[in-house]
Amino acid sequence: MRSLACYQISTLTLVALIFIMSCAGPNTQICHPSQSQNCLNYTETWGKSMDRVVVANFPDEIGFYKPVVHKANFLNAWVTTGGEINISLKLLRKLDAIGRICVISHELAHLKSNHYYSKTGISVFTTAAMSVAGSLVPGLGYLNRFVNPMITNTFGRQFELNADRLAVKYIQEAGLEKSDYVEFLYWMKKNLESSDHPKTSLFSTHPATQERIEELIKN
């Protein structure tokens, strides 16, 4: 019975991991530089800002990171694994040079801190734990769909705050100041934060922008 339970946990963990990995990033169309002059220009703009941060902070890793622009009608930038620094075209169009440096530094901070793997691991562990609980108490495993987001996103919000602090160090090495990052967050709060969801909830993956600003100011 014990070996069977271990087998069930391993199987459930593997299934959960495959599911999470398949949902790691949005399914969008990439704006390939070879497609059009606009895609080339956008990718080069994103790439030059990325190179500025990388050269200043990780000179041994020049050429490893790749700028990727997505034809997507949402405002987001993200990393998963490897060296791709992703951004939606809609967000890229709104950013100035300082904004691009801040976003890239924040995403690099996630990569360097292994936040992607940490959050995935937390979610997998929670799923496995709830599955075991469900085998002991019938029906309890179904609560995973509610418990998992709360636990995973609680860690996710802390990851965002940690990434902000590390990003400030990166932008300073690139010639900017902490005040530039704080100003960028104020701009983000004014221009990007949804008025429908201004506060953090248990299911939020990011802390409220005001919370991020206050954390940086007091540290």
Protein backbone atom coordinates (compact mmCIF):
# COMPACT_ATOMS: atom_id res chain seq x y z
CA MET A 1 0.00 0.00 0.00
CA ARG A 2 2.83 2.37 0.82
CA SER A 3 4.59 1.81 -2.48
CA LEU A 4 1.29 2.24 -4.30
CA ALA A 5 0.71 5.57 -2.56
CA CYS A 6 4.22 6.74 -3.52
CA TYR A 7 3.56 5.68 -7.11
CA GLN A 8 0.29 7.61 -7.13
CA ILE A 9 2.00 10.73 -5.77
CA SER A 10 4.77 10.50 -8.38
CA THR A 11 2.27 10.02 -11.19
CA LEU A 12 0.09 12.89 -10.04
CA THR A 13 3.13 15.11 -9.64
CA LEU A 14 4.30 14.31 -13.17
CA VAL A 15 0.86 14.97 -14.64
CA ALA A 16 0.60 18.26 -12.76
CA LEU A 17 4.06 19.31 -13.90
CA ILE A 18 3.24 18.58 -17.55
CA PHE A 19 0.02 20.58 -17.24
CA ILE A 20 1.72 23.54 -15.61
CA MET A 21 4.55 23.56 -18.14
CA SER A 22 2.03 23.52 -20.99
CA CYS A 23 0.37 26.62 -19.49
CA ALA A 24 3.63 28.40 -18.77
CA GLY A 25 3.21 31.15 -21.30
CA PRO A 26 0.44 32.63 -23.42
CA ASN A 27 -0.18 31.11 -26.84
CA THR A 28 0.47 34.06 -29.12
CA GLN A 29 1.90 34.82 -32.54
CA ILE A 30 5.50 36.03 -32.49
CA CYS A 31 6.36 39.19 -34.39
CA HIS A 32 9.32 37.72 -36.28
CA PRO A 33 11.83 40.28 -37.57
CA SER A 34 11.73 38.60 -40.98
CA GLN A 35 7.99 39.16 -41.32
CA SER A 36 7.95 42.92 -41.72
CA GLN A 37 9.94 46.09 -41.20
CA ASN A 38 7.75 46.94 -38.21
CA CYS A 39 8.49 43.61 -36.52
CA LEU A 40 12.19 44.11 -37.22
CA ASN A 41 12.10 47.60 -35.69
CA TYR A 42 10.16 46.50 -32.61
CA THR A 43 12.42 43.52 -31.99
CA GLU A 44 15.56 45.62 -32.42
CA THR A 45 14.21 48.25 -30.01
CA TRP A 46 13.45 45.60 -27.40
CA GLY A 47 16.80 43.92 -28.04
CA LYS A 48 18.87 47.09 -27.65
CA SER A 49 17.28 47.80 -24.28
CA MET A 50 17.87 44.20 -23.24
CA ASP A 51 21.52 44.38 -24.32
CA ARG A 52 22.04 47.53 -22.24
CA VAL A 53 20.96 45.72 -19.07
CA VAL A 54 22.82 42.50 -19.89
CA VAL A 55 26.10 44.24 -20.80
CA ALA A 56 26.04 46.22 -17.56
CA ASN A 57 25.17 43.27 -15.31
CA PHE A 58 26.08 40.01 -17.03
CA PRO A 59 28.81 40.72 -19.61
CA ASP A 60 29.70 37.02 -19.77
CA GLU A 61 26.16 36.24 -20.95
CA ILE A 62 26.04 38.58 -23.95
CA GLY A 63 24.31 36.77 -26.80
CA PHE A 64 22.48 34.30 -24.56
CA TYR A 65 19.29 36.33 -24.08
CA LYS A 66 16.85 36.73 -26.94
CA PRO A 67 14.29 39.53 -27.38
CA VAL A 68 10.87 38.18 -28.38
CA VAL A 69 7.93 40.42 -29.31
CA HIS A 70 4.43 38.93 -29.47
CA LYS A 71 1.51 40.17 -31.54
CA ALA A 72 -0.85 40.18 -28.61
CA ASN A 73 -3.62 42.51 -27.53
CA PHE A 74 -2.72 42.51 -23.84
CA LEU A 75 -0.18 44.30 -21.66
CA ASN A 76 2.44 41.92 -20.36
CA ALA A 77 6.09 40.89 -20.29
CA TRP A 78 7.24 37.50 -19.08
CA VAL A 79 9.91 34.84 -18.92
CA THR A 80 9.59 31.08 -18.55
CA THR A 81 12.79 29.15 -19.16
CA GLY A 82 15.92 29.70 -21.19
CA GLY A 83 16.98 33.14 -22.34
CA GLU A 84 13.86 34.53 -24.00
CA ILE A 85 12.65 37.89 -22.69
CA ASN A 86 9.07 38.18 -23.94
CA ILE A 87 6.85 41.23 -24.30
CA SER A 88 3.51 41.92 -25.94
CA LEU A 89 3.55 44.43 -28.77
CA LYS A 90 0.79 46.40 -27.05
CA LEU A 91 2.96 46.96 -23.97
CA LEU A 92 6.14 47.65 -25.95
CA ARG A 93 4.41 50.45 -27.84
CA LYS A 94 3.56 52.18 -24.55
CA LEU A 95 7.05 52.05 -23.03
CA ASP A 96 9.75 54.67 -23.33
CA ALA A 97 13.47 53.88 -23.02
CA ILE A 98 13.44 53.96 -19.20
CA GLY A 99 10.31 51.84 -19.07
CA ARG A 100 11.91 49.20 -21.28
CA ILE A 101 14.99 49.06 -19.04
CA CYS A 102 12.81 48.67 -15.94
CA VAL A 103 10.68 45.90 -17.44
CA ILE A 104 13.68 43.97 -18.76
CA SER A 105 15.48 44.28 -15.41
CA HIS A 106 12.39 43.00 -13.61
CA GLU A 107 12.07 39.99 -15.92
CA LEU A 108 15.77 39.20 -15.68
CA ALA A 109 15.41 39.32 -11.90
CA HIS A 110 12.77 36.60 -12.14
CA LEU A 111 15.09 34.47 -14.28
CA LYS A 112 18.11 34.96 -12.04
CA SER A 113 16.06 34.15 -8.93
CA ASN A 114 14.60 30.96 -10.48
CA HIS A 115 11.10 32.18 -9.67
CA TYR A 116 9.60 30.25 -12.57
CA TYR A 117 10.85 26.92 -11.26
CA SER A 118 10.05 27.83 -7.64
CA LYS A 119 6.44 28.72 -8.43
CA THR A 120 6.03 25.61 -10.57
CA GLY A 121 7.41 23.46 -7.77
CA ILE A 122 5.07 25.01 -5.21
CA SER A 123 2.08 24.36 -7.45
CA VAL A 124 3.13 20.77 -8.14
CA PHE A 125 3.70 20.06 -4.44
CA THR A 126 0.33 21.57 -3.53
CA THR A 127 -1.44 19.49 -6.18
CA ALA A 128 0.26 16.31 -4.97
CA ALA A 129 -0.54 17.08 -1.31
CA MET A 130 -4.19 17.79 -2.08
CA SER A 131 -4.42 14.57 -4.11
CA VAL A 132 -3.11 12.55 -1.18
CA ALA A 133 -5.54 14.34 1.14
CA GLY A 134 -8.32 13.52 -1.30
CA SER A 135 -7.46 9.82 -1.11
CA LEU A 136 -7.87 9.98 2.67
CA VAL A 137 -10.91 12.25 2.77
CA PRO A 138 -13.16 11.72 -0.27
CA GLY A 139 -13.83 14.96 -2.13
CA LEU A 140 -11.09 16.96 -0.44
CA GLY A 141 -8.85 16.75 -3.50
CA TYR A 142 -11.36 18.80 -5.50
CA LEU A 143 -10.47 21.80 -3.33
CA ASN A 144 -7.09 21.94 -5.08
CA ARG A 145 -8.53 24.19 -7.77
CA PHE A 146 -9.13 26.79 -5.04
CA VAL A 147 -6.30 26.06 -2.62
CA ASN A 148 -3.57 25.83 -5.26
CA PRO A 149 -4.04 29.36 -6.67
CA MET A 150 -4.15 30.86 -3.19
CA ILE A 151 -0.92 29.18 -2.07
CA THR A 152 0.94 29.56 -5.37
CA ASN A 153 -0.06 33.19 -5.89
CA THR A 154 0.87 34.13 -2.32
CA PHE A 155 4.42 33.06 -3.13
CA GLY A 156 4.08 34.68 -6.57
CA ARG A 157 3.29 38.07 -5.09
CA GLN A 158 6.38 37.85 -2.87
CA PHE A 159 8.45 36.90 -5.91
CA GLU A 160 7.28 40.12 -7.59
CA LEU A 161 8.43 42.23 -4.64
CA ASN A 162 11.78 40.45 -4.57
CA ALA A 163 12.19 40.93 -8.32
CA ASP A 164 11.57 44.67 -7.91
CA ARG A 165 14.39 44.98 -5.40
CA LEU A 166 16.81 43.06 -7.60
CA ALA A 167 15.71 44.97 -10.70
CA VAL A 168 16.66 48.24 -9.01
CA LYS A 169 20.24 46.95 -8.72
CA TYR A 170 20.24 46.01 -12.38
CA ILE A 171 19.02 49.39 -13.59
CA GLN A 172 21.56 51.16 -11.38
CA GLU A 173 24.33 49.19 -13.06
CA ALA A 174 22.83 50.26 -16.40
CA GLY A 175 23.08 53.94 -15.45
CA LEU A 176 19.64 54.65 -14.02
CA GLU A 177 18.52 55.41 -10.46
CA LYS A 178 16.16 53.78 -8.00
CA SER A 179 13.90 56.80 -8.42
CA ASP A 180 13.56 55.93 -12.12
CA TYR A 181 12.14 52.54 -11.21
CA VAL A 182 9.77 54.03 -8.64
CA GLU A 183 8.61 56.60 -11.19
CA PHE A 184 8.03 53.80 -13.67
CA LEU A 185 5.83 51.99 -11.14
CA TYR A 186 3.84 55.19 -10.62
CA TRP A 187 3.41 55.43 -14.40
CA MET A 188 2.34 51.79 -14.50
CA LYS A 189 -0.20 52.36 -11.74
CA LYS A 190 -1.67 55.32 -13.60
CA ASN A 191 -1.65 53.88 -17.10
CA LEU A 192 -1.77 50.10 -16.85
CA GLU A 193 -3.45 49.08 -13.60
CA SER A 194 -7.08 48.13 -14.09
CA SER A 195 -9.50 50.33 -12.24
CA ASP A 196 -11.77 47.29 -11.93
CA HIS A 197 -9.21 45.34 -9.90
CA PRO A 198 -7.06 47.89 -8.03
CA LYS A 199 -6.48 45.74 -4.95
CA THR A 200 -4.73 42.48 -4.31
CA SER A 201 -6.92 39.44 -3.80
CA LEU A 202 -6.14 35.88 -2.78
CA PHE A 203 -6.12 34.93 -6.46
CA SER A 204 -3.84 37.76 -7.59
CA THR A 205 -0.52 36.79 -9.12
CA HIS A 206 0.90 40.29 -8.64
CA PRO A 207 0.72 42.62 -5.63
CA ALA A 208 -0.99 45.94 -6.15
CA THR A 209 1.35 48.46 -7.76
CA GLN A 210 1.01 50.79 -4.78
CA GLU A 211 2.24 47.99 -2.52
CA ARG A 212 5.26 47.52 -4.77
CA ILE A 213 6.01 51.24 -4.63
CA GLU A 214 5.74 51.37 -0.84
CA GLU A 215 8.01 48.33 -0.45
CA LEU A 216 10.72 49.95 -2.57
CA ILE A 217 10.48 53.33 -0.86
CA LYS A 218 10.88 51.88 2.64
CA ASN A 219 13.77 49.57 1.69
